[in-house]
Amino acid sequence: MSEKEFLDLAETTLNKIEAAMDRLNDEDVIDVECKRSGNVLEIEFIDNGSKIIVNSQAPMQELWVAAKSGGFHYKRVDGAWINTRDGSELFAALSDLASAQGGARVTL
């Protein structure tokens, strides 16, 4: 994939994550605030101050996630963002991470 294709796809993905988190906040499922700065999305869980950071890494064509439980790298494989270590899918993993850090079961 070209760099432009990656950047467009990464931007779309970050927007989807932010919209999903905003929806969960609006529905009072979890108390969360999202902040965007360029290719970095910061998700803060208001109740405990913990954060999940999602950012794009254009040179490696990966999305990186930093959470309390560790750091994770995702590459685009067959139409999905897949963890380079354990094969998990990005949105499923973010659902688990947000559930753990937000204190309520969520699905993105």
PDB file of N, CA and C in Angstrom:
ATOM      1  N   MET A   1       0.849  -1.164   0.000  1.00  0.00           N
ATOM      2  CA  MET A   1       0.000   0.000   0.000  1.00  0.00           C
ATOM      3  C   MET A   1       0.896   1.228   0.000  1.00  0.00           C
ATOM      4  N   SER A   2       0.466   2.252  -0.704  1.00  0.00           N
ATOM      5  CA  SER A   2       1.255   3.485  -0.769  1.00  0.00           C
ATOM      6  C   SER A   2       1.151   4.230   0.565  1.00  0.00           C
ATOM      7  N   GLU A   3       2.044   5.180   0.775  1.00  0.00           N
ATOM      8  CA  GLU A   3       2.005   5.961   2.015  1.00  0.00           C
ATOM      9  C   GLU A   3       0.699   6.741   2.116  1.00  0.00           C
ATOM     10  N   LYS A   4       0.242   7.311   1.003  1.00  0.00           N
ATOM     11  CA  LYS A   4      -1.016   8.059   1.017  1.00  0.00           C
ATOM     12  C   LYS A   4      -2.189   7.152   1.373  1.00  0.00           C
ATOM     13  N   GLU A   5      -2.217   5.951   0.802  1.00  0.00           N
ATOM     14  CA  GLU A   5      -3.286   5.004   1.126  1.00  0.00           C
ATOM     15  C   GLU A   5      -3.259   4.665   2.614  1.00  0.00           C
ATOM     16  N   PHE A   6      -2.055   4.427   3.137  1.00  0.00           N
ATOM     17  CA  PHE A   6      -1.937   4.123   4.561  1.00  0.00           C
ATOM     18  C   PHE A   6      -2.448   5.285   5.406  1.00  0.00           C
ATOM     19  N   LEU A   7      -1.999   6.502   5.089  1.00  0.00           N
ATOM     20  CA  LEU A   7      -2.395   7.672   5.876  1.00  0.00           C
ATOM     21  C   LEU A   7      -3.906   7.883   5.844  1.00  0.00           C
ATOM     22  N   ASP A   8      -4.525   7.695   4.685  1.00  0.00           N
ATOM     23  CA  ASP A   8      -5.980   7.824   4.570  1.00  0.00           C
ATOM     24  C   ASP A   8      -6.689   6.764   5.411  1.00  0.00           C
ATOM     25  N   LEU A   9      -6.212   5.532   5.335  1.00  0.00           N
ATOM     26  CA  LEU A   9      -6.807   4.433   6.089  1.00  0.00           C
ATOM     27  C   LEU A   9      -6.609   4.630   7.592  1.00  0.00           C
ATOM     28  N   ALA A  10      -5.429   5.061   7.987  1.00  0.00           N
ATOM     29  CA  ALA A  10      -5.157   5.313   9.404  1.00  0.00           C
ATOM     30  C   ALA A  10      -6.054   6.425   9.931  1.00  0.00           C
ATOM     31  N   GLU A  11      -6.213   7.489   9.160  1.00  0.00           N
ATOM     32  CA  GLU A  11      -7.078   8.608   9.557  1.00  0.00           C
ATOM     33  C   GLU A  11      -8.517   8.135   9.725  1.00  0.00           C
ATOM     34  N   THR A  12      -9.005   7.353   8.786  1.00  0.00           N
ATOM     35  CA  THR A  12     -10.359   6.810   8.871  1.00  0.00           C
ATOM     36  C   THR A  12     -10.517   5.948  10.120  1.00  0.00           C
ATOM     37  N   THR A  13      -9.516   5.129  10.406  1.00  0.00           N
ATOM     38  CA  THR A  13      -9.569   4.244  11.567  1.00  0.00           C
ATOM     39  C   THR A  13      -9.563   5.042  12.864  1.00  0.00           C
ATOM     40  N   LEU A  14      -8.689   6.032  12.976  1.00  0.00           N
ATOM     41  CA  LEU A  14      -8.658   6.869  14.179  1.00  0.00           C
ATOM     42  C   LEU A  14      -9.992   7.588  14.370  1.00  0.00           C
ATOM     43  N   ASN A  15     -10.585   8.060  13.283  1.00  0.00           N
ATOM     44  CA  ASN A  15     -11.896   8.714  13.365  1.00  0.00           C
ATOM     45  C   ASN A  15     -12.968   7.748  13.854  1.00  0.00           C
ATOM     46  N   LYS A  16     -12.929   6.496  13.385  1.00  0.00           N
ATOM     47  CA  LYS A  16     -13.904   5.482  13.819  1.00  0.00           C
ATOM     48  C   LYS A  16     -13.759   5.187  15.306  1.00  0.00           C
ATOM     49  N   ILE A  17     -12.511   5.069  15.765  1.00  0.00           N
ATOM     50  CA  ILE A  17     -12.268   4.803  17.187  1.00  0.00           C
ATOM     51  C   ILE A  17     -12.796   5.964  18.025  1.00  0.00           C
ATOM     52  N   GLU A  18     -12.464   7.181  17.616  1.00  0.00           N
ATOM     53  CA  GLU A  18     -12.913   8.363  18.358  1.00  0.00           C
ATOM     54  C   GLU A  18     -14.438   8.440  18.389  1.00  0.00           C
ATOM     55  N   ALA A  19     -15.086   8.196  17.264  1.00  0.00           N
ATOM     56  CA  ALA A  19     -16.550   8.236  17.204  1.00  0.00           C
ATOM     57  C   ALA A  19     -17.168   7.169  18.106  1.00  0.00           C
ATOM     58  N   ALA A  20     -16.581   5.976  18.134  1.00  0.00           N
ATOM     59  CA  ALA A  20     -17.092   4.900  18.984  1.00  0.00           C
ATOM     60  C   ALA A  20     -16.960   5.269  20.459  1.00  0.00           C
ATOM     61  N   MET A  21     -15.831   5.845  20.833  1.00  0.00           N
ATOM     62  CA  MET A  21     -15.630   6.261  22.225  1.00  0.00           C
ATOM     63  C   MET A  21     -16.591   7.387  22.601  1.00  0.00           C
ATOM     64  N   ASP A  22     -16.781   8.337  21.692  1.00  0.00           N
ATOM     65  CA  ASP A  22     -17.728   9.428  21.949  1.00  0.00           C
ATOM     66  C   ASP A  22     -19.143   8.884  22.129  1.00  0.00           C
ATOM     67  N   ARG A  23     -19.512   7.888  21.322  1.00  0.00           N
ATOM     68  CA  ARG A  23     -20.840   7.273  21.439  1.00  0.00           C
ATOM     69  C   ARG A  23     -21.005   6.610  22.809  1.00  0.00           C
ATOM     70  N   LEU A  24     -19.975   5.875  23.248  1.00  0.00           N
ATOM     71  CA  LEU A  24     -20.037   5.223  24.559  1.00  0.00           C
ATOM     72  C   LEU A  24     -20.167   6.256  25.673  1.00  0.00           C
ATOM     73  N   ASN A  25     -19.478   7.378  25.518  1.00  0.00           N
ATOM     74  CA  ASN A  25     -19.572   8.456  26.501  1.00  0.00           C
ATOM     75  C   ASN A  25     -20.972   9.073  26.486  1.00  0.00           C
ATOM     76  N   ASP A  26     -21.498   9.344  25.287  1.00  0.00           N
ATOM     77  CA  ASP A  26     -22.829   9.947  25.158  1.00  0.00           C
ATOM     78  C   ASP A  26     -23.923   9.043  25.718  1.00  0.00           C
ATOM     79  N   GLU A  27     -23.721   7.720  25.607  1.00  0.00           N
ATOM     80  CA  GLU A  27     -24.702   6.755  26.112  1.00  0.00           C
ATOM     81  C   GLU A  27     -24.482   6.436  27.588  1.00  0.00           C
ATOM     82  N   ASP A  28     -23.534   7.138  28.232  1.00  0.00           N
ATOM     83  CA  ASP A  28     -23.210   6.946  29.654  1.00  0.00           C
ATOM     84  C   ASP A  28     -22.754   5.531  29.980  1.00  0.00           C
ATOM     85  N   VAL A  29     -22.128   4.869  29.019  1.00  0.00           N
ATOM     86  CA  VAL A  29     -21.566   3.541  29.267  1.00  0.00           C
ATOM     87  C   VAL A  29     -20.267   3.684  30.051  1.00  0.00           C
ATOM     88  N   ILE A  30     -19.405   4.594  29.596  1.00  0.00           N
ATOM     89  CA  ILE A  30     -18.166   4.919  30.297  1.00  0.00           C
ATOM     90  C   ILE A  30     -17.950   6.424  30.207  1.00  0.00           C
ATOM     91  N   ASP A  31     -17.208   6.946  31.185  1.00  0.00           N
ATOM     92  CA  ASP A  31     -16.884   8.372  31.190  1.00  0.00           C
ATOM     93  C   ASP A  31     -15.505   8.530  30.568  1.00  0.00           C
ATOM     94  N   VAL A  32     -15.479   8.979  29.315  1.00  0.00           N
ATOM     95  CA  VAL A  32     -14.238   9.013  28.546  1.00  0.00           C
ATOM     96  C   VAL A  32     -14.160  10.319  27.766  1.00  0.00           C
ATOM     97  N   GLU A  33     -12.948  10.777  27.584  1.00  0.00           N
ATOM     98  CA  GLU A  33     -12.716  11.986  26.783  1.00  0.00           C
ATOM     99  C   GLU A  33     -11.623  11.690  25.765  1.00  0.00           C
ATOM    100  N   CYS A  34     -11.863  12.067  24.521  1.00  0.00           N
ATOM    101  CA  CYS A  34     -10.885  11.852  23.450  1.00  0.00           C
ATOM    102  C   CYS A  34     -10.283  13.178  23.020  1.00  0.00           C
ATOM    103  N   LYS A  35      -8.989  13.141  22.732  1.00  0.00           N
ATOM    104  CA  LYS A  35      -8.287  14.311  22.203  1.00  0.00           C
ATOM    105  C   LYS A  35      -7.462  13.853  21.012  1.00  0.00           C
ATOM    106  N   ARG A  36      -7.517  14.630  19.931  1.00  0.00           N
ATOM    107  CA  ARG A  36      -6.727  14.328  18.733  1.00  0.00           C
ATOM    108  C   ARG A  36      -5.674  15.390  18.535  1.00  0.00           C
ATOM    109  N   SER A  37      -4.494  14.949  18.181  1.00  0.00           N
ATOM    110  CA  SER A  37      -3.412  15.845  17.789  1.00  0.00           C
ATOM    111  C   SER A  37      -2.686  15.167  16.640  1.00  0.00           C
ATOM    112  N   GLY A  38      -3.015  15.570  15.411  1.00  0.00           N
ATOM    113  CA  GLY A  38      -2.396  14.948  14.242  1.00  0.00           C
ATOM    114  C   GLY A  38      -2.738  13.477  14.162  1.00  0.00           C
ATOM    115  N   ASN A  39      -1.706  12.645  14.157  1.00  0.00           N
ATOM    116  CA  ASN A  39      -1.905  11.200  14.013  1.00  0.00           C
ATOM    117  C   ASN A  39      -2.031  10.489  15.357  1.00  0.00           C
ATOM    118  N   VAL A  40      -2.254  11.238  16.437  1.00  0.00           N
ATOM    119  CA  VAL A  40      -2.336  10.660  17.781  1.00  0.00           C
ATOM    120  C   VAL A  40      -3.735  10.876  18.355  1.00  0.00           C
ATOM    121  N   LEU A  41      -4.338   9.784  18.828  1.00  0.00           N
ATOM    122  CA  LEU A  41      -5.619   9.837  19.526  1.00  0.00           C
ATOM    123  C   LEU A  41      -5.377   9.437  20.975  1.00  0.00           C
ATOM    124  N   GLU A  42      -5.712  10.339  21.888  1.00  0.00           N
ATOM    125  CA  GLU A  42      -5.582  10.074  23.322  1.00  0.00           C
ATOM    126  C   GLU A  42      -6.973   9.861  23.891  1.00  0.00           C
ATOM    127  N   ILE A  43      -7.169   8.711  24.514  1.00  0.00           N
ATOM    128  CA  ILE A  43      -8.445   8.359  25.129  1.00  0.00           C
ATOM    129  C   ILE A  43      -8.220   8.345  26.635  1.00  0.00           C
ATOM    130  N   GLU A  44      -8.888   9.244  27.351  1.00  0.00           N
ATOM    131  CA  GLU A  44      -8.716   9.321  28.805  1.00  0.00           C
ATOM    132  C   GLU A  44      -9.987   8.861  29.502  1.00  0.00           C
ATOM    133  N   PHE A  45      -9.812   7.961  30.458  1.00  0.00           N
ATOM    134  CA  PHE A  45     -10.916   7.466  31.267  1.00  0.00           C
ATOM    135  C   PHE A  45     -11.002   8.354  32.503  1.00  0.00           C
ATOM    136  N   ILE A  46     -12.053   9.145  32.571  1.00  0.00           N
ATOM    137  CA  ILE A  46     -12.163  10.215  33.555  1.00  0.00           C
ATOM    138  C   ILE A  46     -12.178   9.681  34.987  1.00  0.00           C
ATOM    139  N   ASP A  47     -12.852   8.566  35.223  1.00  0.00           N
ATOM    140  CA  ASP A  47     -12.989   8.048  36.588  1.00  0.00           C
ATOM    141  C   ASP A  47     -11.652   7.729  37.249  1.00  0.00           C
ATOM    142  N   ASN A  48     -10.682   7.252  36.467  1.00  0.00           N
ATOM    143  CA  ASN A  48      -9.407   6.853  37.078  1.00  0.00           C
ATOM    144  C   ASN A  48      -8.188   7.526  36.451  1.00  0.00           C
ATOM    145  N   GLY A  49      -8.397   8.336  35.436  1.00  0.00           N
ATOM    146  CA  GLY A  49      -7.292   9.064  34.811  1.00  0.00           C
ATOM    147  C   GLY A  49      -6.407   8.237  33.902  1.00  0.00           C
ATOM    148  N   SER A  50      -6.721   6.958  33.733  1.00  0.00           N
ATOM    149  CA  SER A  50      -5.890   6.132  32.850  1.00  0.00           C
ATOM    150  C   SER A  50      -6.148   6.506  31.393  1.00  0.00           C
ATOM    151  N   LYS A  51      -5.204   6.151  30.542  1.00  0.00           N
ATOM    152  CA  LYS A  51      -5.293   6.528  29.130  1.00  0.00           C
ATOM    153  C   LYS A  51      -4.951   5.354  28.220  1.00  0.00           C
ATOM    154  N   ILE A  52      -5.507   5.423  27.028  1.00  0.00           N
ATOM    155  CA  ILE A  52      -5.098   4.582  25.905  1.00  0.00           C
ATOM    156  C   ILE A  52      -4.706   5.552  24.803  1.00  0.00           C
ATOM    157  N   ILE A  53      -3.546   5.337  24.225  1.00  0.00           N
ATOM    158  CA  ILE A  53      -3.059   6.178  23.136  1.00  0.00           C
ATOM    159  C   ILE A  53      -3.008   5.322  21.874  1.00  0.00           C
ATOM    160  N   VAL A  54      -3.595   5.826  20.798  1.00  0.00           N
ATOM    161  CA  VAL A  54      -3.544   5.146  19.500  1.00  0.00           C
ATOM    162  C   VAL A  54      -2.912   6.115  18.516  1.00  0.00           C
ATOM    163  N   ASN A  55      -1.880   5.673  17.830  1.00  0.00           N
ATOM    164  CA  ASN A  55      -1.254   6.552  16.839  1.00  0.00           C
ATOM    165  C   ASN A  55      -0.793   5.760  15.627  1.00  0.00           C
ATOM    166  N   SER A  56      -0.695   6.475  14.512  1.00  0.00           N
ATOM    167  CA  SER A  56      -0.244   5.838  13.272  1.00  0.00           C
ATOM    168  C   SER A  56       1.253   6.041  13.109  1.00  0.00           C
ATOM    169  N   GLN A  57       1.896   5.033  12.574  1.00  0.00           N
ATOM    170  CA  GLN A  57       3.328   5.048  12.288  1.00  0.00           C
ATOM    171  C   GLN A  57       3.500   4.801  10.793  1.00  0.00           C
ATOM    172  N   ALA A  58       3.528   5.883  10.024  1.00  0.00           N
ATOM    173  CA  ALA A  58       3.569   5.780   8.566  1.00  0.00           C
ATOM    174  C   ALA A  58       4.781   5.016   8.043  1.00  0.00           C
ATOM    175  N   PRO A  59       5.994   5.247   8.577  1.00  0.00           N
ATOM    176  CA  PRO A  59       7.145   4.525   8.025  1.00  0.00           C
ATOM    177  C   PRO A  59       7.003   3.001   8.116  1.00  0.00           C
ATOM    178  N   MET A  60       6.305   2.524   9.172  1.00  0.00           N
ATOM    179  CA  MET A  60       6.131   1.079   9.361  1.00  0.00           C
ATOM    180  C   MET A  60       4.762   0.602   8.889  1.00  0.00           C
ATOM    181  N   GLN A  61       3.903   1.547   8.493  1.00  0.00           N
ATOM    182  CA  GLN A  61       2.521   1.257   8.102  1.00  0.00           C
ATOM    183  C   GLN A  61       1.808   0.442   9.178  1.00  0.00           C
ATOM    184  N   GLU A  62       1.904   0.950  10.406  1.00  0.00           N
ATOM    185  CA  GLU A  62       1.276   0.304  11.548  1.00  0.00           C
ATOM    186  C   GLU A  62       0.498   1.326  12.370  1.00  0.00           C
ATOM    187  N   LEU A  63      -0.473   0.819  13.118  1.00  0.00           N
ATOM    188  CA  LEU A  63      -1.105   1.575  14.185  1.00  0.00           C
ATOM    189  C   LEU A  63      -0.547   1.029  15.486  1.00  0.00           C
ATOM    190  N   TRP A  64      -0.175   1.930  16.373  1.00  0.00           N
ATOM    191  CA  TRP A  64       0.364   1.530  17.669  1.00  0.00           C
ATOM    192  C   TRP A  64      -0.623   1.906  18.753  1.00  0.00           C
ATOM    193  N   VAL A  65      -0.760   1.024  19.740  1.00  0.00           N
ATOM    194  CA  VAL A  65      -1.647   1.248  20.874  1.00  0.00           C
ATOM    195  C   VAL A  65      -0.829   1.127  22.147  1.00  0.00           C
ATOM    196  N   ALA A  66      -0.951   2.120  23.021  1.00  0.00           N
ATOM    197  CA  ALA A  66      -0.327   2.076  24.343  1.00  0.00           C
ATOM    198  C   ALA A  66      -1.444   2.114  25.378  1.00  0.00           C
ATOM    199  N   ALA A  67      -1.449   1.134  26.279  1.00  0.00           N
ATOM    200  CA  ALA A  67      -2.468   1.029  27.319  1.00  0.00           C
ATOM    201  C   ALA A  67      -1.787   0.613  28.624  1.00  0.00           C
ATOM    202  N   LYS A  68      -2.564   0.563  29.707  1.00  0.00           N
ATOM    203  CA  LYS A  68      -1.995   0.141  30.989  1.00  0.00           C
ATOM    204  C   LYS A  68      -1.354  -1.238  30.885  1.00  0.00           C
ATOM    205  N   SER A  69      -1.932  -2.094  30.083  1.00  0.00           N
ATOM    206  CA  SER A  69      -1.449  -3.474  29.993  1.00  0.00           C
ATOM    207  C   SER A  69      -0.272  -3.655  29.044  1.00  0.00           C
ATOM    208  N   GLY A  70       0.118  -2.601  28.319  1.00  0.00           N
ATOM    209  CA  GLY A  70       1.282  -2.721  27.442  1.00  0.00           C
ATOM    210  C   GLY A  70       1.126  -1.981  26.131  1.00  0.00           C
ATOM    211  N   GLY A  71       2.082  -2.228  25.244  1.00  0.00           N
ATOM    212  CA  GLY A  71       2.092  -1.622  23.922  1.00  0.00           C
ATOM    213  C   GLY A  71       1.852  -2.673  22.855  1.00  0.00           C
ATOM    214  N   PHE A  72       1.135  -2.290  21.802  1.00  0.00           N
ATOM    215  CA  PHE A  72       0.726  -3.235  20.772  1.00  0.00           C
ATOM    216  C   PHE A  72       0.859  -2.593  19.398  1.00  0.00           C
ATOM    217  N   HIS A  73       1.261  -3.380  18.412  1.00  0.00           N
ATOM    218  CA  HIS A  73       1.422  -2.907  17.037  1.00  0.00           C
ATOM    219  C   HIS A  73       0.445  -3.662  16.143  1.00  0.00           C
ATOM    220  N   TYR A  74      -0.207  -2.919  15.228  1.00  0.00           N
ATOM    221  CA  TYR A  74      -1.197  -3.498  14.324  1.00  0.00           C
ATOM    222  C   TYR A  74      -0.865  -3.161  12.886  1.00  0.00           C
ATOM    223  N   LYS A  75      -0.881  -4.187  12.030  1.00  0.00           N
ATOM    224  CA  LYS A  75      -0.665  -4.032  10.589  1.00  0.00           C
ATOM    225  C   LYS A  75      -1.962  -4.381   9.864  1.00  0.00           C
ATOM    226  N   ARG A  76      -2.153  -3.793   8.701  1.00  0.00           N
ATOM    227  CA  ARG A  76      -3.340  -4.076   7.899  1.00  0.00           C
ATOM    228  C   ARG A  76      -3.142  -5.402   7.174  1.00  0.00           C
ATOM    229  N   VAL A  77      -4.035  -6.353   7.434  1.00  0.00           N
ATOM    230  CA  VAL A  77      -3.972  -7.675   6.816  1.00  0.00           C
ATOM    231  C   VAL A  77      -5.386  -8.062   6.396  1.00  0.00           C
ATOM    232  N   ASP A  78      -5.580  -8.316   5.112  1.00  0.00           N
ATOM    233  CA  ASP A  78      -6.882  -8.775   4.605  1.00  0.00           C
ATOM    234  C   ASP A  78      -8.045  -7.919   5.104  1.00  0.00           C
ATOM    235  N   GLY A  79      -7.871  -6.593   5.077  1.00  0.00           N
ATOM    236  CA  GLY A  79      -8.957  -5.686   5.421  1.00  0.00           C
ATOM    237  C   GLY A  79      -9.159  -5.415   6.895  1.00  0.00           C
ATOM    238  N   ALA A  80      -8.250  -5.894   7.745  1.00  0.00           N
ATOM    239  CA  ALA A  80      -8.378  -5.660   9.189  1.00  0.00           C
ATOM    240  C   ALA A  80      -7.018  -5.278   9.768  1.00  0.00           C
ATOM    241  N   TRP A  81      -7.042  -4.567  10.895  1.00  0.00           N
ATOM    242  CA  TRP A  81      -5.805  -4.241  11.617  1.00  0.00           C
ATOM    243  C   TRP A  81      -5.524  -5.392  12.578  1.00  0.00           C
ATOM    244  N   ILE A  82      -4.402  -6.086  12.350  1.00  0.00           N
ATOM    245  CA  ILE A  82      -4.081  -7.301  13.092  1.00  0.00           C
ATOM    246  C   ILE A  82      -2.817  -7.094  13.922  1.00  0.00           C
ATOM    247  N   ASN A  83      -2.876  -7.533  15.193  1.00  0.00           N
ATOM    248  CA  ASN A  83      -1.729  -7.440  16.096  1.00  0.00           C
ATOM    249  C   ASN A  83      -0.578  -8.265  15.537  1.00  0.00           C
ATOM    250  N   THR A  84       0.602  -7.654  15.477  1.00  0.00           N
ATOM    251  CA  THR A  84       1.758  -8.327  14.884  1.00  0.00           C
ATOM    252  C   THR A  84       2.296  -9.447  15.761  1.00  0.00           C
ATOM    253  N   ARG A  85       1.876  -9.542  17.010  1.00  0.00           N
ATOM    254  CA  ARG A  85       2.354 -10.604  17.901  1.00  0.00           C
ATOM    255  C   ARG A  85       1.343 -11.727  18.087  1.00  0.00           C
ATOM    256  N   ASP A  86       0.106 -11.350  18.450  1.00  0.00           N
ATOM    257  CA  ASP A  86      -0.842 -12.405  18.817  1.00  0.00           C
ATOM    258  C   ASP A  86      -1.985 -12.605  17.823  1.00  0.00           C
ATOM    259  N   GLY A  87      -2.036 -11.792  16.762  1.00  0.00           N
ATOM    260  CA  GLY A  87      -3.049 -11.971  15.733  1.00  0.00           C
ATOM    261  C   GLY A  87      -4.423 -11.418  16.070  1.00  0.00           C
ATOM    262  N   SER A  88      -4.561 -10.735  17.208  1.00  0.00           N
ATOM    263  CA  SER A  88      -5.864 -10.173  17.565  1.00  0.00           C
ATOM    264  C   SER A  88      -6.193  -8.980  16.671  1.00  0.00           C
ATOM    265  N   GLU A  89      -7.479  -8.690  16.547  1.00  0.00           N
ATOM    266  CA  GLU A  89      -7.956  -7.590  15.707  1.00  0.00           C
ATOM    267  C   GLU A  89      -8.053  -6.321  16.549  1.00  0.00           C
ATOM    268  N   LEU A  90      -7.745  -5.177  15.950  1.00  0.00           N
ATOM    269  CA  LEU A  90      -7.647  -3.907  16.667  1.00  0.00           C
ATOM    270  C   LEU A  90      -8.911  -3.555  17.446  1.00  0.00           C
ATOM    271  N   PHE A  91     -10.076  -3.562  16.812  1.00  0.00           N
ATOM    272  CA  PHE A  91     -11.283  -3.110  17.495  1.00  0.00           C
ATOM    273  C   PHE A  91     -11.687  -4.065  18.617  1.00  0.00           C
ATOM    274  N   ALA A  92     -11.468  -5.357  18.440  1.00  0.00           N
ATOM    275  CA  ALA A  92     -11.732  -6.317  19.515  1.00  0.00           C
ATOM    276  C   ALA A  92     -10.784  -6.068  20.686  1.00  0.00           C
ATOM    277  N   ALA A  93      -9.515  -5.833  20.374  1.00  0.00           N
ATOM    278  CA  ALA A  93      -8.533  -5.567  21.428  1.00  0.00           C
ATOM    279  C   ALA A  93      -8.851  -4.260  22.148  1.00  0.00           C
ATOM    280  N   LEU A  94      -9.201  -3.215  21.390  1.00  0.00           N
ATOM    281  CA  LEU A  94      -9.554  -1.942  22.027  1.00  0.00           C
ATOM    282  C   LEU A  94     -10.799  -2.086  22.898  1.00  0.00           C
ATOM    283  N   SER A  95     -11.735  -2.913  22.496  1.00  0.00           N
ATOM    284  CA  SER A  95     -12.913  -3.173  23.327  1.00  0.00           C
ATOM    285  C   SER A  95     -12.491  -3.762  24.664  1.00  0.00           C
ATOM    286  N   ASP A  96     -11.588  -4.734  24.635  1.00  0.00           N
ATOM    287  CA  ASP A  96     -11.095  -5.355  25.871  1.00  0.00           C
ATOM    288  C   ASP A  96     -10.304  -4.364  26.716  1.00  0.00           C
ATOM    289  N   LEU A  97      -9.427  -3.590  26.079  1.00  0.00           N
ATOM    290  CA  LEU A  97      -8.617  -2.616  26.810  1.00  0.00           C
ATOM    291  C   LEU A  97      -9.497  -1.545  27.445  1.00  0.00           C
ATOM    292  N   ALA A  98     -10.458  -1.026  26.686  1.00  0.00           N
ATOM    293  CA  ALA A  98     -11.354   0.005  27.212  1.00  0.00           C
ATOM    294  C   ALA A  98     -12.237  -0.549  28.325  1.00  0.00           C
ATOM    295  N   SER A  99     -12.653  -1.800  28.203  1.00  0.00           N
ATOM    296  CA  SER A  99     -13.444  -2.428  29.264  1.00  0.00           C
ATOM    297  C   SER A  99     -12.632  -2.518  30.549  1.00  0.00           C
ATOM    298  N   ALA A 100     -11.381  -2.937  30.426  1.00  0.00           N
ATOM    299  CA  ALA A 100     -10.514  -3.074  31.599  1.00  0.00           C
ATOM    300  C   ALA A 100     -10.224  -1.723  32.241  1.00  0.00           C
ATOM    301  N   GLN A 101      -9.938  -0.729  31.428  1.00  0.00           N
ATOM    302  CA  GLN A 101      -9.565   0.572  31.971  1.00  0.00           C
ATOM    303  C   GLN A 101     -10.771   1.439  32.317  1.00  0.00           C
ATOM    304  N   GLY A 102     -11.897   1.213  31.653  1.00  0.00           N
ATOM    305  CA  GLY A 102     -13.084   2.034  31.882  1.00  0.00           C
ATOM    306  C   GLY A 102     -14.031   1.498  32.930  1.00  0.00           C
ATOM    307  N   GLY A 103     -13.856   0.227  33.301  1.00  0.00           N
ATOM    308  CA  GLY A 103     -14.669  -0.341  34.364  1.00  0.00           C
ATOM    309  C   GLY A 103     -16.036  -0.841  33.947  1.00  0.00           C
ATOM    310  N   ALA A 104     -16.325  -0.878  32.653  1.00  0.00           N
ATOM    311  CA  ALA A 104     -17.599  -1.397  32.158  1.00  0.00           C
ATOM    312  C   ALA A 104     -17.347  -2.096  30.828  1.00  0.00           C
ATOM    313  N   ARG A 105     -18.073  -3.162  30.571  1.00  0.00           N
ATOM    314  CA  ARG A 105     -17.894  -3.914  29.328  1.00  0.00           C
ATOM    315  C   ARG A 105     -18.359  -3.065  28.154  1.00  0.00           C
ATOM    316  N   VAL A 106     -17.457  -2.862  27.193  1.00  0.00           N
ATOM    317  CA  VAL A 106     -17.789  -2.082  26.005  1.00  0.00           C
ATOM    318  C   VAL A 106     -17.415  -2.856  24.751  1.00  0.00           C
ATOM    319  N   THR A 107     -18.093  -2.543  23.669  1.00  0.00           N
ATOM    320  CA  THR A 107     -17.782  -3.115  22.369  1.00  0.00           C
ATOM    321  C   THR A 107     -17.684  -1.973  21.372  1.00  0.00           C
ATOM    322  N   LEU A 108     -16.547  -1.902  20.706  1.00  0.00           N
ATOM    323  CA  LEU A 108     -16.355  -0.858  19.697  1.00  0.00           C
ATOM    324  C   LEU A 108     -16.785  -1.374  18.344  1.00  0.00           C
TER     325      LEU A 108
END
